[in-house]
Every structure is written in structure tokens, then in C-alpha cells.
Amino acid sequence: MRKRWSVKLATGICLGLTAGLMLSACAGEEVVGTGESPATEEVMSSEITATRDSSIPVLAVNGSETYQTWRGFGTSSCWWSQYVGSWDKPYGDGTVPVREQIAKWLYSRDEGIGLTIYRYNVGAGSADSQKGTFWDNNRRAHSFIGVDGEYNWNKDKNAVWFMKYCVDLGGIKDVVFFCNSPLEKLTRNGLAHMTEGGENDNLAPENYEAFADYVFDVAEHFRAEGIPVTDISPINEPQWDWFNGQEGCHYEPAQMAEVLKVFVEEVDERGLGDELRISTPESGEWGGRTREYVKAILDDEELGAYFKTLDIHSYWSNAEAKTKFKSWVDDKYPGTELIMSEWCEMVNGKDYTMDSAYNMADVIWEDMTILDVTSWQYWVGVADGDYRDGLIYVNKDKKAARPNRRLWGYGNYTKFIRPGYVRLGTSSESKELTALRAVAFTGEDDLDGKQRMAVVLINRGEARQFYLDGVDAYTSYKIYTTSEERDLEETASGSVAGDTVFSIEGESIVTIVLE
């Protein structure tokens, strides 16, 4: 039986007490609680307050304010793994091949950022036929259909090698097979993109089933080879026209719904309903026509009964658009889970600096805290162009690779917020701390089973010091920093006590890991 205890608080210690306790204590009233000893949370709190410097602000983590359970972070191998997968020369002066080093930067938790979701593009075959208008041949993709019309599993070998190597690193939980276009041979115009001035859709109804058969055949083949394919995404950004430049297919909402019905029927017929999720609608933004596509799915009796998640991209979407969408979906379709399945900063010009890393982190924070997304997936892991896209830039001629700040800034989230973690509420009375856009997650680590908390902060300004409330369950901490000078580097560690001052560097993205 737990004992009741009481303690008289002398007037002399009133100045060290919190405001809520001061009124009763200074009046000489009994403060009553439960516990095994006279040490109480109230007294402990007052002692902590007495030893803290009042000029140092407090960031509070509220363990009773819980939000989404995390699925994982990922990126796509589209448009680059088909050539990077062949780069077997050593990276730098070492012995590790370039392709393996890139894989480790992305998917190793020891040597990289520990992503757990892999997105593989099931191509339409434009790389085989060389048909259509593409200003960059890397945006073409192979299919697994041979010249004889039969399956040829030796195709797209470099991209397949890279996927298998990443899976063998041991950290991947989910592989998403996504399509930008149906197979060329199934489209109305025989191309992997639309024809300007042509049909408004490029997939005739009589080919819906053949499209589903192909995608599921590919998924089942690789599942049999040990690839953990958990998601099939047959449609990508259906609202756009996709006349040229890359594989793509426009769908109106009603047509998209009919295609999805065929895929839902196929997953059931193959007995894969408990193992494979259909991801949709993969709309390009949270505003625009996205609600039309969501309504076409969730207002349909058959599809509404199947789809409990919506996968949407965060392009062209500010905080206001996200807030409005979240309010709308919660009101009209309560309980619907949101996943952010593709984003990169749509800005020309390479950027290796913290500027693009901060911008990415801001989007992650918005998506986590406004939309309560349960997964966040970056667009391409690698890029060779002049754009703010890849986490790693490569030189195709030299077969060389160089990470940028986005890789390590992404790692502040991906390496420490693990599948199964739960987001907790955070707050501060300090405007300076509120500006750091903190997120806090806690859970059992998927590798060692230890209970940990990860607090990630975006600090565009000067160095900061603060106290952390709500971390009493933890005894030690480490701080990991990404900046212009640091690649997700451990920069501090120590014991956790009520008067522990946490110090973070200026102009950085920081993760505090408590255990």
C-alpha cells in the first residue's frame, strides 16, 4: 500500500517555491501527496527551481500530450540509382566503392543517417524504347518487360543492385514500389508521358487490370527475393499534365478512383491485404485540387472502406495550406492518417550549405506539427544536376560523390526519431526557444530496445542555453550538431538533472538524445 505523507513547509523557503505551491505553503497549510518517502514532486520541483538561473529559459516536453506514432523516414532512388549502382571504384583514398559509400550515407545508422524507407521506381519502359521527349535521359526508366514481351528480371540491374545492397545493410523496414506512368505498351499514345493536345488521360479502362497485374508481379518477384516491399503506389501527382520531360500520367479524380479499385481488388485476390498497402493519391500539394482527389477516394464506399491513409507531397504548400487541409480532413474524414511521401526544395542552383538544410527542416517541422504526418520521405537521395534536390551531389563523369548539409540536417531527424516513436508536445514561454521549432519524440529504439527521447531544434541564430522540463525519466544525454562545420557530430554529453543547462551552437540543426 502506498503511504500518505505530509510535510510542513516553513516560511523561510517560500521564495524558492513555484507559484502554485507558494500560496498554501506560506500559509502554513499541509501539502498532501502519495509516495514511499517524504520526497515529493512538489518539493523536488521547488528545489530544482531554487537552483536554476532565472535568466535561462525553459523548454518543456509534455509527456501526457501525445500525437502521432512514427512510421519512418526515407528517400527515393529514382533517376540516379540506375547509374550510381554501377560505380564500383573506391571512394576517395579508401577501399569502399563509391556506390556502397553512398548507400551507407543514406541507410546505415552507424555511418550515415539511418533511413528506414526505400522508394523504388517501377518504370514504364521509356529507357528501353527511347521514345518520347526527355531533356534528361536519367529521367527515363526501365521496365521488366523484355523484347519478347516476357518478364526479364535482369533489367534495371544497377538500380536493383543498389536497392538490394541498401536492404542488406539491415535498417530498411519498408520498400515502396511507385509508378510515375503505366507501362508504355498500355498507354493510349504508346509513350510514358502525355501528349499535348491529345487525350486527357493516357490509360484506357481496358488496360487497368493489366497495369495492376504488372505492378503486383514485379512486387511479388522482389518480395520473393527478400526485398521488404510493403507499399505499392500506382499513381503519382495525378493533377499535373506530364506532357514531357519525365515519365508521368494525368488522371482526373473519377478515373483515378477506378484505377485504384482495380489495385485494391488485386491486392485482395493475391491474399496480400495484410502485407501490402496501396499508397495514394500521391497528390503534388496540400492545396490546389488535392481535396477533389481525396473526396473521390474517401467518399466512395469501396475505397473509403479500404483507405485509412493518404500519401501527399508537400510541394508548393505553405503553413496556411497545410493548416486548412488538416482542419478539413479531420472534420470530414476523422482518423485519417497523413503521410508526406515526397518533397525537395524547388529552387534552381546547387546548394551545399545550411540554407537549404534549414528550409528542409522547416518543412519537416510543419508537416510533423501541423499535419501530424506519420512518415516523411525526401524526393531523391542523389542528384547530378544544378538544383536543390539530392541529399548527395555526384559528378557522373568522375563518378564522385559529396554530401551536402541537407543530408546531415535530415539525419538530425532520421537517425534519432525511430519507427514506433511517439511525438510529444513541447512549449516555452521564451520567444527565442519557440523560434527553434522544437519537436520531441520518445520510444523504444528499434535496434537496442532502449527507451530514449529525441528533441530536434532548428537554430538559425546565435548559441542558446536552456533548461529542459519533462525529462526526469532520463539520466544522460548527448547532443548532435549539423552546421557548416559539423556533419551530424556529437558535440556534448552529460548527466541529466533538474538544473542541467543544455547548450546548443548557433546556426545549426541540433538533436538532444536522452536515455
Protein backbone atom coordinates (compact mmCIF):
# COMPACT_ATOMS: atom_id res chain seq x y z
CA MET A 1 0.00 0.00 0.00
CA ARG A 2 1.29 3.45 -0.87
CA LYS A 3 1.67 5.68 2.19
CA ARG A 4 0.22 9.12 2.53
CA TRP A 5 2.68 11.68 3.75
CA SER A 6 2.59 15.27 4.89
CA VAL A 7 5.18 17.94 5.43
CA LYS A 8 5.02 21.44 6.91
CA LEU A 9 6.81 23.99 4.73
CA ALA A 10 8.49 26.82 6.60
CA THR A 11 8.00 30.41 5.56
CA GLY A 12 11.75 30.75 5.04
CA ILE A 13 11.77 28.62 1.92
CA CYS A 14 8.76 30.21 0.26
CA LEU A 15 10.91 32.22 -2.13
CA GLY A 16 12.20 29.01 -3.70
CA LEU A 17 8.78 27.55 -4.41
CA THR A 18 6.77 27.58 -7.59
CA ALA A 19 3.84 29.99 -7.64
CA GLY A 20 1.20 27.26 -7.43
CA LEU A 21 2.66 25.81 -4.25
CA MET A 22 3.59 29.09 -2.59
CA LEU A 23 0.11 30.09 -1.54
CA SER A 24 -0.57 27.00 0.56
CA ALA A 25 2.96 26.57 1.84
CA CYS A 26 3.42 30.13 3.03
CA ALA A 27 0.13 29.95 4.87
CA GLY A 28 1.47 27.00 6.82
CA GLU A 29 -1.02 24.57 5.29
CA GLU A 30 -0.28 20.87 4.89
CA VAL A 31 0.71 19.72 1.46
CA VAL A 32 -0.53 16.16 0.96
CA GLY A 33 0.64 13.62 -1.62
CA THR A 34 1.50 9.96 -2.11
CA GLY A 35 4.82 8.15 -2.21
CA GLU A 36 7.24 5.90 -0.41
CA SER A 37 9.20 8.72 1.20
CA PRO A 38 8.78 12.39 2.14
CA ALA A 39 10.47 13.41 -1.15
CA THR A 40 7.66 14.71 -3.32
CA GLU A 41 7.37 16.00 -6.82
CA GLU A 42 6.35 19.39 -5.44
CA VAL A 43 9.35 19.67 -3.14
CA MET A 44 11.69 18.35 -5.79
CA SER A 45 10.31 20.89 -8.25
CA SER A 46 10.83 23.70 -5.77
CA GLU A 47 14.38 22.59 -5.07
CA ILE A 48 15.13 22.47 -8.79
CA THR A 49 13.64 25.90 -9.29
CA ALA A 50 15.74 27.23 -6.43
CA THR A 51 18.95 26.02 -8.09
CA ARG A 52 18.11 27.25 -11.58
CA ASP A 53 19.26 30.55 -13.02
CA SER A 54 16.08 32.54 -13.65
CA SER A 55 17.68 34.25 -16.65
CA ILE A 56 17.93 30.94 -18.53
CA PRO A 57 14.68 29.98 -20.35
CA VAL A 58 12.91 26.62 -20.11
CA LEU A 59 11.78 24.29 -22.88
CA ALA A 60 9.08 21.92 -21.61
CA VAL A 61 8.29 18.49 -23.01
CA ASN A 62 4.82 17.32 -22.03
CA GLY A 63 4.72 13.53 -21.76
CA SER A 64 0.93 13.47 -21.42
CA GLU A 65 0.41 15.41 -24.66
CA THR A 66 0.85 12.74 -27.30
CA TYR A 67 0.40 12.89 -31.05
CA GLN A 68 1.29 10.61 -33.98
CA THR A 69 3.22 7.34 -33.87
CA TRP A 70 6.13 7.47 -36.28
CA ARG A 71 6.49 5.09 -39.25
CA GLY A 72 9.85 6.22 -40.61
CA PHE A 73 11.90 8.46 -42.91
CA GLY A 74 13.01 7.67 -46.43
CA THR A 75 14.08 8.83 -49.86
CA SER A 76 13.76 7.77 -53.49
CA SER A 77 16.30 6.04 -55.73
CA CYS A 78 14.57 7.36 -58.85
CA TRP A 79 16.65 8.97 -61.66
CA TRP A 80 20.07 8.12 -60.20
CA SER A 81 20.46 4.56 -58.91
CA GLN A 82 20.47 3.22 -62.48
CA TYR A 83 23.96 4.70 -62.92
CA VAL A 84 25.27 5.03 -59.34
CA GLY A 85 24.59 1.32 -58.90
CA SER A 86 27.48 0.58 -61.29
CA TRP A 87 30.09 2.77 -59.53
CA ASP A 88 32.39 0.15 -58.04
CA LYS A 89 35.60 2.20 -57.96
CA PRO A 90 36.86 3.19 -54.46
CA TYR A 91 35.55 6.33 -52.81
CA GLY A 92 38.37 8.82 -52.19
CA ASP A 93 41.55 7.18 -50.96
CA GLY A 94 39.74 4.29 -49.31
CA THR A 95 38.69 0.83 -50.40
CA VAL A 96 34.90 1.19 -50.13
CA PRO A 97 33.29 1.56 -53.59
CA VAL A 98 31.52 4.83 -54.26
CA ARG A 99 28.13 3.13 -54.65
CA GLU A 100 28.50 1.44 -51.25
CA GLN A 101 29.57 4.66 -49.59
CA ILE A 102 26.51 6.44 -50.93
CA ALA A 103 24.29 3.62 -49.71
CA LYS A 104 25.84 3.83 -46.25
CA TRP A 105 25.42 7.59 -46.04
CA LEU A 106 21.72 7.09 -46.67
CA TYR A 107 20.81 3.82 -44.97
CA SER A 108 23.48 2.94 -42.41
CA ARG A 109 22.82 4.19 -38.91
CA ASP A 110 26.47 3.82 -37.95
CA GLU A 111 27.98 5.56 -40.98
CA GLY A 112 25.07 7.65 -42.22
CA ILE A 113 21.61 8.91 -41.38
CA GLY A 114 19.81 5.59 -40.91
CA LEU A 115 16.82 5.91 -43.24
CA THR A 116 14.25 3.11 -42.94
CA ILE A 117 12.11 3.65 -46.08
CA TYR A 118 13.32 2.98 -49.63
CA ARG A 119 11.35 4.22 -52.65
CA TYR A 120 11.96 2.31 -55.89
CA ASN A 121 10.56 3.47 -59.22
CA VAL A 122 8.81 0.74 -61.21
CA GLY A 123 9.45 2.21 -64.64
CA ALA A 124 7.25 2.41 -67.70
CA GLY A 125 9.97 1.41 -70.17
CA SER A 126 10.99 4.72 -71.74
CA ALA A 127 14.65 3.85 -71.14
CA ASP A 128 14.14 0.71 -73.23
CA SER A 129 12.27 2.27 -76.15
CA GLN A 130 13.93 5.71 -76.07
CA LYS A 131 10.59 7.11 -77.18
CA GLY A 132 9.12 10.38 -76.01
CA THR A 133 10.54 13.81 -75.18
CA PHE A 134 13.02 13.80 -72.29
CA TRP A 135 15.57 16.57 -71.80
CA ASP A 136 17.47 14.37 -69.34
CA ASN A 137 17.88 10.67 -70.11
CA ASN A 138 18.25 9.95 -66.39
CA ARG A 139 14.53 10.64 -66.11
CA ARG A 140 13.76 7.66 -68.29
CA ALA A 141 13.16 4.35 -66.54
CA HIS A 142 13.39 0.68 -67.48
CA SER A 143 10.55 -1.79 -67.24
CA PHE A 144 10.92 -5.51 -66.57
CA ILE A 145 9.37 -6.49 -69.90
CA GLY A 146 11.83 -7.94 -72.42
CA VAL A 147 11.82 -7.55 -76.19
CA ASP A 148 9.91 -10.82 -76.41
CA GLY A 149 7.13 -9.45 -74.22
CA GLU A 150 8.06 -11.71 -71.31
CA TYR A 151 9.46 -10.73 -67.93
CA ASN A 152 13.19 -10.10 -67.86
CA TRP A 153 14.39 -9.77 -64.27
CA ASN A 154 17.92 -8.83 -65.34
CA LYS A 155 16.81 -5.40 -66.46
CA ASP A 156 17.41 -2.22 -64.45
CA LYS A 157 20.26 -4.19 -62.89
CA ASN A 158 22.18 -1.25 -61.42
CA ALA A 159 19.15 0.17 -59.64
CA VAL A 160 18.19 -3.30 -58.42
CA TRP A 161 21.73 -3.91 -57.16
CA PHE A 162 21.64 -0.65 -55.23
CA MET A 163 18.25 -1.44 -53.67
CA LYS A 164 19.38 -4.90 -52.59
CA TYR A 165 22.61 -3.56 -51.11
CA CYS A 166 20.73 -0.97 -49.08
CA VAL A 167 18.31 -3.62 -47.81
CA ASP A 168 21.26 -5.82 -46.85
CA LEU A 169 22.57 -3.03 -44.61
CA GLY A 170 19.77 -4.11 -42.30
CA GLY A 171 17.93 -0.91 -41.42
CA ILE A 172 15.19 -0.74 -44.04
CA LYS A 173 11.70 -1.53 -42.77
CA ASP A 174 9.64 -0.57 -45.81
CA VAL A 175 10.24 -0.54 -49.56
CA VAL A 176 7.74 1.44 -51.63
CA PHE A 177 7.30 0.48 -55.29
CA PHE A 178 5.93 3.56 -57.08
CA CYS A 179 4.96 4.27 -60.67
CA ASN A 180 5.12 7.57 -62.50
CA SER A 181 3.37 6.13 -65.55
CA PRO A 182 1.82 2.82 -66.62
CA LEU A 183 3.84 0.66 -69.00
CA GLU A 184 4.31 2.29 -72.40
CA LYS A 185 2.57 -0.60 -74.13
CA LEU A 186 -0.55 0.06 -72.03
CA THR A 187 -0.86 3.81 -72.66
CA ARG A 188 -3.09 5.37 -75.30
CA ASN A 189 -0.23 7.16 -77.07
CA GLY A 190 2.38 4.42 -76.59
CA LEU A 191 4.52 6.81 -74.53
CA ALA A 192 5.44 7.09 -70.87
CA HIS A 193 4.15 10.68 -70.76
CA MET A 194 1.12 12.58 -72.03
CA THR A 195 0.75 14.16 -75.47
CA GLU A 196 -0.01 17.88 -75.51
CA GLY A 197 -3.31 18.37 -77.27
CA GLY A 198 -4.07 14.66 -77.02
CA GLU A 199 -6.29 12.62 -74.68
CA ASN A 200 -6.90 13.96 -71.17
CA ASP A 201 -5.93 10.57 -69.79
CA ASN A 202 -3.36 8.11 -71.07
CA LEU A 203 -4.59 4.80 -69.68
CA ALA A 204 -7.65 3.19 -71.26
CA PRO A 205 -10.02 1.35 -68.88
CA GLU A 206 -9.42 -1.95 -70.65
CA ASN A 207 -5.77 -1.75 -69.52
CA TYR A 208 -6.37 -1.06 -65.83
CA GLU A 209 -6.15 -4.73 -64.91
CA ALA A 210 -3.00 -5.33 -66.98
CA PHE A 211 -1.36 -2.37 -65.25
CA ALA A 212 -2.20 -3.78 -61.82
CA ASP A 213 -1.04 -7.27 -62.83
CA TYR A 214 2.32 -5.92 -63.92
CA VAL A 215 2.99 -3.89 -60.79
CA PHE A 216 1.97 -6.72 -58.46
CA ASP A 217 4.01 -9.25 -60.44
CA VAL A 218 7.08 -7.05 -60.01
CA ALA A 219 6.39 -6.57 -56.31
CA GLU A 220 5.87 -10.28 -55.68
CA HIS A 221 9.03 -11.17 -57.58
CA PHE A 222 11.18 -8.93 -55.41
CA ARG A 223 9.39 -9.89 -52.22
CA ALA A 224 10.36 -13.48 -53.03
CA GLU A 225 13.96 -12.29 -53.32
CA GLY A 226 13.88 -10.82 -49.82
CA ILE A 227 13.02 -7.18 -50.58
CA PRO A 228 10.51 -5.99 -47.94
CA VAL A 229 8.03 -4.40 -50.36
CA THR A 230 5.28 -3.08 -48.09
CA ASP A 231 3.69 -0.39 -50.27
CA ILE A 232 2.57 -0.06 -53.87
CA SER A 233 1.94 3.42 -55.23
CA PRO A 234 0.48 3.21 -58.76
CA ILE A 235 -0.27 6.91 -59.35
CA ASN A 236 1.97 9.96 -58.99
CA GLU A 237 0.80 13.58 -58.79
CA PRO A 238 -2.30 12.93 -60.91
CA GLN A 239 -3.32 16.59 -61.18
CA TRP A 240 -0.36 17.58 -63.37
CA ASP A 241 -0.34 17.20 -67.17
CA TRP A 242 3.08 15.49 -67.63
CA PHE A 243 3.38 16.30 -71.33
CA ASN A 244 7.13 15.67 -71.46
CA GLY A 245 10.40 15.74 -69.50
CA GLN A 246 9.79 12.67 -67.36
CA GLU A 247 7.54 9.66 -67.09
CA GLY A 248 4.12 10.78 -65.89
CA CYS A 249 0.40 10.28 -66.33
CA HIS A 250 -2.53 12.60 -65.66
CA TYR A 251 -5.69 11.24 -64.07
CA GLU A 252 -8.92 13.02 -63.30
CA PRO A 253 -10.32 12.17 -59.84
CA ALA A 254 -13.02 9.79 -61.12
CA GLN A 255 -10.57 7.91 -63.34
CA MET A 256 -8.03 7.67 -60.53
CA ALA A 257 -10.70 6.12 -58.31
CA GLU A 258 -11.47 3.44 -60.92
CA VAL A 259 -7.78 2.57 -61.29
CA LEU A 260 -7.43 2.30 -57.51
CA LYS A 261 -10.41 -0.06 -57.30
CA VAL A 262 -8.60 -2.47 -59.61
CA PHE A 263 -5.47 -2.31 -57.43
CA VAL A 264 -7.48 -2.87 -54.25
CA GLU A 265 -9.18 -5.88 -55.83
CA GLU A 266 -5.82 -7.22 -56.97
CA VAL A 267 -4.21 -6.99 -53.53
CA ASP A 268 -7.16 -8.90 -52.08
CA GLU A 269 -7.19 -11.54 -54.82
CA ARG A 270 -3.50 -12.22 -54.23
CA GLY A 271 -4.03 -12.52 -50.47
CA LEU A 272 -1.64 -9.67 -49.75
CA GLY A 273 -4.03 -7.36 -47.93
CA ASP A 274 -2.20 -7.73 -44.62
CA GLU A 275 1.24 -7.35 -46.18
CA LEU A 276 0.94 -4.68 -48.89
CA ARG A 277 -0.57 -1.21 -48.58
CA ILE A 278 -1.79 0.76 -51.60
CA SER A 279 -0.42 4.30 -51.30
CA THR A 280 -2.47 7.12 -52.78
CA PRO A 281 -3.23 9.71 -54.10
CA GLU A 282 0.38 11.00 -54.09
CA SER A 283 -1.03 14.43 -54.87
CA GLY A 284 1.62 17.08 -55.52
CA GLU A 285 0.46 19.57 -52.88
CA TRP A 286 -1.84 20.01 -49.87
CA GLY A 287 -3.85 22.73 -51.60
CA GLY A 288 -4.94 23.08 -55.22
CA ARG A 289 -7.11 20.20 -56.45
CA THR A 290 -5.99 17.75 -53.78
CA ARG A 291 -9.36 17.78 -52.00
CA GLU A 292 -11.05 16.65 -55.23
CA TYR A 293 -8.82 13.59 -55.36
CA VAL A 294 -9.27 12.84 -51.67
CA LYS A 295 -13.06 13.07 -51.97
CA ALA A 296 -13.03 10.74 -54.99
CA ILE A 297 -11.34 8.15 -52.78
CA LEU A 298 -12.89 8.56 -49.36
CA ASP A 299 -16.45 9.35 -50.49
CA ASP A 300 -16.51 6.13 -52.50
CA GLU A 301 -17.97 3.27 -50.45
CA GLU A 302 -15.45 0.65 -51.58
CA LEU A 303 -12.36 2.84 -51.50
CA GLY A 304 -13.40 4.64 -48.33
CA ALA A 305 -13.58 1.30 -46.54
CA TYR A 306 -10.04 0.43 -47.67
CA PHE A 307 -8.04 3.64 -47.43
CA LYS A 308 -7.22 4.83 -43.93
CA THR A 309 -4.09 6.72 -45.02
CA LEU A 310 -3.41 9.48 -47.53
CA ASP A 311 0.02 9.93 -49.11
CA ILE A 312 0.55 13.51 -50.26
CA HIS A 313 3.54 15.63 -51.33
CA SER A 314 4.49 18.95 -49.73
CA TYR A 315 5.41 20.88 -52.87
CA TRP A 316 4.03 24.41 -53.25
CA SER A 317 2.41 24.22 -49.81
CA ASN A 318 2.81 26.79 -47.05
CA ALA A 319 1.73 26.51 -43.42
CA GLU A 320 -1.66 28.06 -44.18
CA ALA A 321 -2.46 25.47 -46.87
CA LYS A 322 -1.43 22.66 -44.55
CA THR A 323 -3.49 24.03 -41.66
CA LYS A 324 -6.58 24.32 -43.85
CA PHE A 325 -6.17 20.82 -45.26
CA LYS A 326 -5.64 19.29 -41.83
CA SER A 327 -8.74 21.03 -40.44
CA TRP A 328 -10.79 19.91 -43.43
CA VAL A 329 -9.71 16.26 -43.39
CA ASP A 330 -10.13 15.97 -39.61
CA ASP A 331 -13.64 17.37 -39.89
CA LYS A 332 -14.79 15.37 -42.91
CA TYR A 333 -12.74 12.16 -42.51
CA PRO A 334 -11.73 11.91 -38.84
CA GLY A 335 -8.99 9.43 -38.02
CA THR A 336 -7.40 9.57 -41.48
CA GLU A 337 -3.62 9.17 -41.25
CA LEU A 338 -1.45 11.50 -43.31
CA ILE A 339 1.91 10.61 -44.85
CA MET A 340 4.27 13.06 -46.57
CA SER A 341 5.74 10.93 -49.33
CA GLU A 342 7.76 13.38 -51.45
CA TRP A 343 9.40 16.79 -51.20
CA CYS A 344 12.50 18.72 -52.18
CA GLU A 345 13.08 22.43 -52.42
CA MET A 346 12.06 23.58 -55.90
CA VAL A 347 14.89 26.06 -56.43
CA ASN A 348 17.50 26.17 -59.18
CA GLY A 349 21.19 26.02 -58.35
CA LYS A 350 23.26 23.60 -56.30
CA ASP A 351 23.40 24.33 -52.59
CA TYR A 352 25.79 22.60 -50.20
CA THR A 353 25.08 25.00 -47.32
CA MET A 354 22.88 25.18 -44.25
CA ASP A 355 20.44 27.46 -46.07
CA SER A 356 18.71 24.61 -47.88
CA ALA A 357 19.08 22.38 -44.81
CA TYR A 358 17.17 24.93 -42.71
CA ASN A 359 14.46 25.21 -45.35
CA MET A 360 14.07 21.43 -45.43
CA ALA A 361 13.94 21.26 -41.62
CA ASP A 362 11.23 23.93 -41.57
CA VAL A 363 9.08 21.79 -43.89
CA ILE A 364 9.66 18.71 -41.72
CA TRP A 365 8.62 20.69 -38.64
CA GLU A 366 5.46 21.99 -40.32
CA ASP A 367 4.48 18.57 -41.60
CA MET A 368 5.06 16.94 -38.20
CA THR A 369 3.32 19.57 -36.11
CA ILE A 370 0.58 20.95 -38.38
CA LEU A 371 -0.35 17.84 -40.35
CA ASP A 372 0.72 15.19 -37.80
CA VAL A 373 2.23 13.14 -40.62
CA THR A 374 3.42 9.69 -39.60
CA SER A 375 6.19 9.44 -42.20
CA TRP A 376 8.35 11.87 -44.16
CA GLN A 377 10.10 10.93 -47.38
CA TYR A 378 12.57 13.12 -49.25
CA TRP A 379 12.49 13.14 -53.06
CA VAL A 380 15.87 11.96 -54.44
CA GLY A 381 18.77 10.79 -52.33
CA VAL A 382 21.31 11.63 -55.06
CA ALA A 383 21.43 14.19 -57.88
CA ASP A 384 23.88 15.37 -60.51
CA GLY A 385 22.07 18.48 -61.71
CA ASP A 386 22.08 22.16 -60.78
CA TYR A 387 19.18 22.07 -58.33
CA ARG A 388 18.40 21.88 -54.62
CA ASP A 389 17.28 18.29 -54.78
CA GLY A 390 19.69 15.48 -53.86
CA LEU A 391 20.95 14.85 -50.34
CA ILE A 392 24.21 13.89 -52.03
CA TYR A 393 25.61 15.54 -55.16
CA VAL A 394 27.52 13.46 -57.69
CA ASN A 395 29.71 14.09 -60.70
CA LYS A 396 28.77 11.49 -63.30
CA ASP A 397 31.91 11.95 -65.38
CA LYS A 398 34.25 11.47 -62.41
CA LYS A 399 31.94 9.05 -60.59
CA ALA A 400 32.48 11.17 -57.49
CA ALA A 401 30.10 11.95 -54.63
CA ARG A 402 29.82 14.65 -52.00
CA PRO A 403 27.15 15.00 -49.30
CA ASN A 404 25.64 18.41 -48.66
CA ARG A 405 24.21 19.94 -45.46
CA ARG A 406 20.75 18.59 -46.28
CA LEU A 407 21.95 15.03 -45.74
CA TRP A 408 23.24 15.69 -42.25
CA GLY A 409 20.41 18.06 -41.33
CA TYR A 410 17.93 15.37 -42.39
CA GLY A 411 19.93 12.98 -40.24
CA ASN A 412 19.20 15.07 -37.14
CA TYR A 413 15.67 13.72 -37.54
CA THR A 414 16.10 10.38 -39.29
CA LYS A 415 18.86 8.90 -37.16
CA PHE A 416 17.20 9.57 -33.83
CA ILE A 417 13.42 9.61 -34.37
CA ARG A 418 12.83 5.94 -34.93
CA PRO A 419 9.87 3.84 -36.13
CA GLY A 420 7.39 3.43 -33.29
CA TYR A 421 8.36 6.64 -31.51
CA VAL A 422 5.52 8.93 -30.40
CA ARG A 423 5.56 12.70 -30.72
CA LEU A 424 5.12 14.70 -27.51
CA GLY A 425 4.01 18.27 -27.04
CA THR A 426 6.60 20.98 -26.45
CA SER A 427 6.23 24.55 -25.22
CA SER A 428 8.18 27.51 -23.93
CA GLU A 429 7.41 30.98 -22.62
CA SER A 430 10.58 32.16 -24.36
CA LYS A 431 10.13 33.58 -27.85
CA GLU A 432 13.73 32.64 -28.61
CA LEU A 433 13.12 28.98 -27.76
CA THR A 434 9.77 28.89 -29.55
CA ALA A 435 11.59 30.10 -32.67
CA LEU A 436 13.74 26.94 -32.55
CA ARG A 437 10.73 24.89 -33.74
CA ALA A 438 11.33 22.00 -31.37
CA VAL A 439 9.89 18.54 -31.91
CA ALA A 440 10.19 15.80 -29.32
CA PHE A 441 9.66 12.07 -29.84
CA THR A 442 10.07 9.18 -27.45
CA GLY A 443 10.01 5.40 -27.69
CA GLU A 444 11.95 2.16 -27.67
CA ASP A 445 14.82 2.13 -30.13
CA ASP A 446 14.33 -0.32 -32.98
CA LEU A 447 17.91 -1.59 -32.69
CA ASP A 448 18.69 -1.98 -28.99
CA GLY A 449 15.25 -1.64 -27.38
CA LYS A 450 16.33 1.19 -25.06
CA GLN A 451 13.87 3.89 -24.15
CA ARG A 452 15.02 7.24 -25.50
CA MET A 453 13.79 10.74 -26.22
CA ALA A 454 14.94 12.84 -29.17
CA VAL A 455 14.44 16.61 -29.22
CA VAL A 456 15.30 18.31 -32.52
CA LEU A 457 15.79 22.08 -32.80
CA ILE A 458 16.39 24.40 -35.76
CA ASN A 459 18.65 27.23 -34.68
CA ARG A 460 19.23 29.84 -37.38
CA GLY A 461 20.50 32.33 -34.81
CA GLU A 462 23.09 32.57 -32.04
CA ALA A 463 24.10 29.94 -29.50
CA ARG A 464 21.41 29.14 -26.92
CA GLN A 465 21.20 27.82 -23.38
CA PHE A 466 18.07 26.45 -21.74
CA TYR A 467 16.66 24.02 -19.21
CA LEU A 468 14.55 21.04 -20.23
CA ASP A 469 11.42 20.14 -18.26
CA GLY A 470 9.70 16.79 -18.61
CA VAL A 471 12.84 14.69 -18.93
CA ASP A 472 13.05 13.36 -15.36
CA ALA A 473 12.89 9.74 -16.57
CA TYR A 474 16.28 10.07 -18.27
CA THR A 475 19.74 10.08 -16.71
CA SER A 476 22.09 11.05 -19.54
CA TYR A 477 22.13 12.99 -22.78
CA LYS A 478 24.12 13.55 -25.95
CA ILE A 479 23.89 16.45 -28.37
CA TYR A 480 24.41 16.00 -32.13
CA THR A 481 25.01 19.06 -34.31
CA THR A 482 24.83 19.82 -38.03
CA SER A 483 26.30 23.13 -39.14
CA GLU A 484 28.57 24.48 -41.85
CA GLU A 485 31.47 22.89 -39.96
CA ARG A 486 29.83 19.77 -38.47
CA ASP A 487 28.40 16.63 -40.10
CA LEU A 488 25.87 15.44 -37.51
CA GLU A 489 28.69 15.46 -34.97
CA GLU A 490 28.37 14.63 -31.27
CA THR A 491 29.21 17.94 -29.60
CA ALA A 492 28.22 17.45 -25.95
CA SER A 493 27.18 14.84 -23.41
CA GLY A 494 26.46 14.65 -19.72
CA SER A 495 24.13 13.67 -16.92
CA VAL A 496 20.53 14.84 -16.70
CA ALA A 497 19.37 16.68 -13.58
CA GLY A 498 16.79 19.35 -12.95
CA ASP A 499 19.40 22.08 -13.11
CA THR A 500 21.21 20.76 -16.19
CA VAL A 501 21.78 23.56 -18.67
CA PHE A 502 21.61 22.42 -22.28
CA SER A 503 23.83 24.44 -24.60
CA ILE A 504 23.48 24.37 -28.38
CA GLU A 505 25.64 26.02 -31.01
CA GLY A 506 24.45 28.87 -33.17
CA GLU A 507 23.49 28.44 -36.83
CA SER A 508 22.85 24.73 -36.55
CA ILE A 509 20.31 21.94 -36.51
CA VAL A 510 20.61 20.07 -33.22
CA THR A 511 19.32 16.83 -31.72
CA ILE A 512 19.36 16.18 -27.99
CA VAL A 513 19.13 12.45 -27.30
CA LEU A 514 18.19 11.44 -23.75
CA GLU A 515 18.30 7.96 -22.27
